């Protein structure tokens, strides 16, 4: 299973890559939505995990474009700034949210929810 991780924080990318690789996922990490959009032109992923606030481009419009495309893999939106309203909006779109900082057990729960609905 191929996972695309989009996050500007190097430590978060490292943590997610390590945790997901240990679970048997094939992980690609990028630091911006621009890099992610370039990869998505030529690659298909089974899951996208994206930060929402990044200096090179906000993750929310990126996720919304994916949702509006109609054909997207499951998505987990990660941020320290997830409000109840944002969580509700994303869930209505089928996007799971994960509030930073999160524990490995919370990541595992999110993976179960989005990959085994």
Protein backbone atom coordinates (compact mmCIF):
# COMPACT_ATOMS: atom_id res chain seq x y z
CA UNK A 1 0.00 0.00 0.00
CA UNK A 2 1.43 3.35 -1.09
CA UNK A 3 1.16 6.36 1.23
CA UNK A 4 1.97 9.98 0.41
CA UNK A 5 2.92 12.15 3.40
CA UNK A 6 2.81 15.94 2.91
CA UNK A 7 4.26 17.96 5.81
CA UNK A 8 6.72 20.84 6.08
CA UNK A 9 8.08 19.66 9.44
CA UNK A 10 11.03 17.32 8.98
CA UNK A 11 10.47 15.58 12.32
CA UNK A 12 6.84 14.81 11.46
CA UNK A 13 7.85 13.45 8.04
CA UNK A 14 10.50 11.27 9.69
CA UNK A 15 8.09 9.99 12.35
CA UNK A 16 5.36 9.16 9.84
CA UNK A 17 7.76 7.53 7.40
CA UNK A 18 9.27 5.37 10.13
CA UNK A 19 5.94 4.40 11.73
CA UNK A 20 4.24 3.61 8.42
CA UNK A 21 7.22 1.73 6.98
CA UNK A 22 7.29 -0.48 10.10
CA UNK A 23 3.63 -1.30 9.39
CA UNK A 24 4.55 -2.42 5.87
CA UNK A 25 3.48 0.66 3.91
CA UNK A 26 5.48 2.05 1.00
CA UNK A 27 5.92 5.70 2.00
CA UNK A 28 6.78 8.80 -0.03
CA UNK A 29 7.36 12.02 1.91
CA UNK A 30 7.31 15.57 0.55
CA UNK A 31 7.49 18.96 2.23
CA UNK A 32 4.96 20.92 0.17
CA UNK A 33 1.63 20.64 -1.58
CA UNK A 34 3.34 21.65 -4.82
CA UNK A 35 5.62 18.60 -4.63
CA UNK A 36 2.61 16.43 -3.80
CA UNK A 37 0.62 17.70 -6.77
CA UNK A 38 3.54 16.98 -9.10
CA UNK A 39 3.81 13.42 -7.79
CA UNK A 40 0.05 12.88 -8.08
CA UNK A 41 0.21 13.65 -11.80
CA UNK A 42 2.20 10.45 -12.37
CA UNK A 43 1.68 8.29 -9.30
CA UNK A 44 -1.32 6.75 -7.58
CA UNK A 45 -1.43 6.45 -3.81
CA UNK A 46 -3.68 4.41 -1.53
CA UNK A 47 -3.62 7.04 1.24
CA UNK A 48 -2.62 10.69 1.62
CA UNK A 49 -1.66 12.19 4.97
CA UNK A 50 -1.33 15.97 4.77
CA UNK A 51 -0.53 18.80 7.12
CA UNK A 52 -2.88 21.77 6.86
CA UNK A 53 -0.56 24.70 7.59
CA UNK A 54 2.63 24.89 5.59
CA UNK A 55 4.62 27.97 4.58
CA UNK A 56 4.77 26.91 0.93
CA UNK A 57 1.04 26.26 0.54
CA UNK A 58 -1.94 25.60 2.73
CA UNK A 59 -3.00 21.96 2.93
CA UNK A 60 -6.75 22.67 3.13
CA UNK A 61 -7.09 23.92 -0.49
CA UNK A 62 -4.90 20.99 -1.61
CA UNK A 63 -7.20 18.52 0.14
CA UNK A 64 -10.31 20.29 -1.17
CA UNK A 65 -8.98 20.04 -4.76
CA UNK A 66 -8.44 16.33 -4.27
CA UNK A 67 -11.96 15.87 -2.89
CA UNK A 68 -13.50 17.93 -5.70
CA UNK A 69 -11.68 15.82 -8.30
CA UNK A 70 -13.98 12.98 -7.31
CA UNK A 71 -11.26 10.35 -7.53
CA UNK A 72 -8.94 10.44 -4.57
CA UNK A 73 -7.60 7.96 -2.07
CA UNK A 74 -8.53 8.19 1.60
CA UNK A 75 -7.11 11.33 3.20
CA UNK A 76 -6.01 12.14 6.74
CA UNK A 77 -5.60 15.86 7.49
CA UNK A 78 -3.13 16.56 10.31
CA UNK A 79 -2.79 19.85 12.15
CA UNK A 80 -2.48 21.41 15.57
CA UNK A 81 -5.15 23.87 14.42
CA UNK A 82 -8.12 21.57 13.80
CA UNK A 83 -11.25 23.23 15.12
CA UNK A 84 -14.57 21.41 15.65
CA UNK A 85 -15.94 23.27 12.60
CA UNK A 86 -13.02 22.25 10.40
CA UNK A 87 -13.26 18.67 11.64
CA UNK A 88 -16.98 18.58 10.78
CA UNK A 89 -16.39 20.12 7.34
CA UNK A 90 -13.67 17.59 6.50
CA UNK A 91 -15.66 14.62 7.81
CA UNK A 92 -18.60 15.63 5.61
CA UNK A 93 -16.15 15.37 2.70
CA UNK A 94 -14.91 11.97 3.85
CA UNK A 95 -11.59 13.30 5.18
CA UNK A 96 -10.40 12.09 8.58
CA UNK A 97 -8.64 14.58 10.87
CA UNK A 98 -5.80 13.96 13.29
CA UNK A 99 -4.82 16.67 15.75
CA UNK A 100 -1.11 17.29 16.34
CA UNK A 101 0.69 16.31 18.41
CA UNK A 102 -0.59 12.76 18.13
CA UNK A 103 0.51 9.43 19.56
CA UNK A 104 1.34 6.35 17.54
CA UNK A 105 -1.87 4.74 18.82
CA UNK A 106 -3.90 7.69 17.48
CA UNK A 107 -2.24 7.34 14.09
CA UNK A 108 -3.03 3.62 14.08
CA UNK A 109 -6.67 4.39 14.94
CA UNK A 110 -6.86 6.93 12.12
CA UNK A 111 -5.41 4.41 9.67
CA UNK A 112 -8.01 1.83 10.73
CA UNK A 113 -10.85 4.30 10.30
CA UNK A 114 -9.89 5.52 6.84
CA UNK A 115 -8.67 2.23 5.39
CA UNK A 116 -11.39 0.00 6.90
CA UNK A 117 -14.53 2.18 7.02
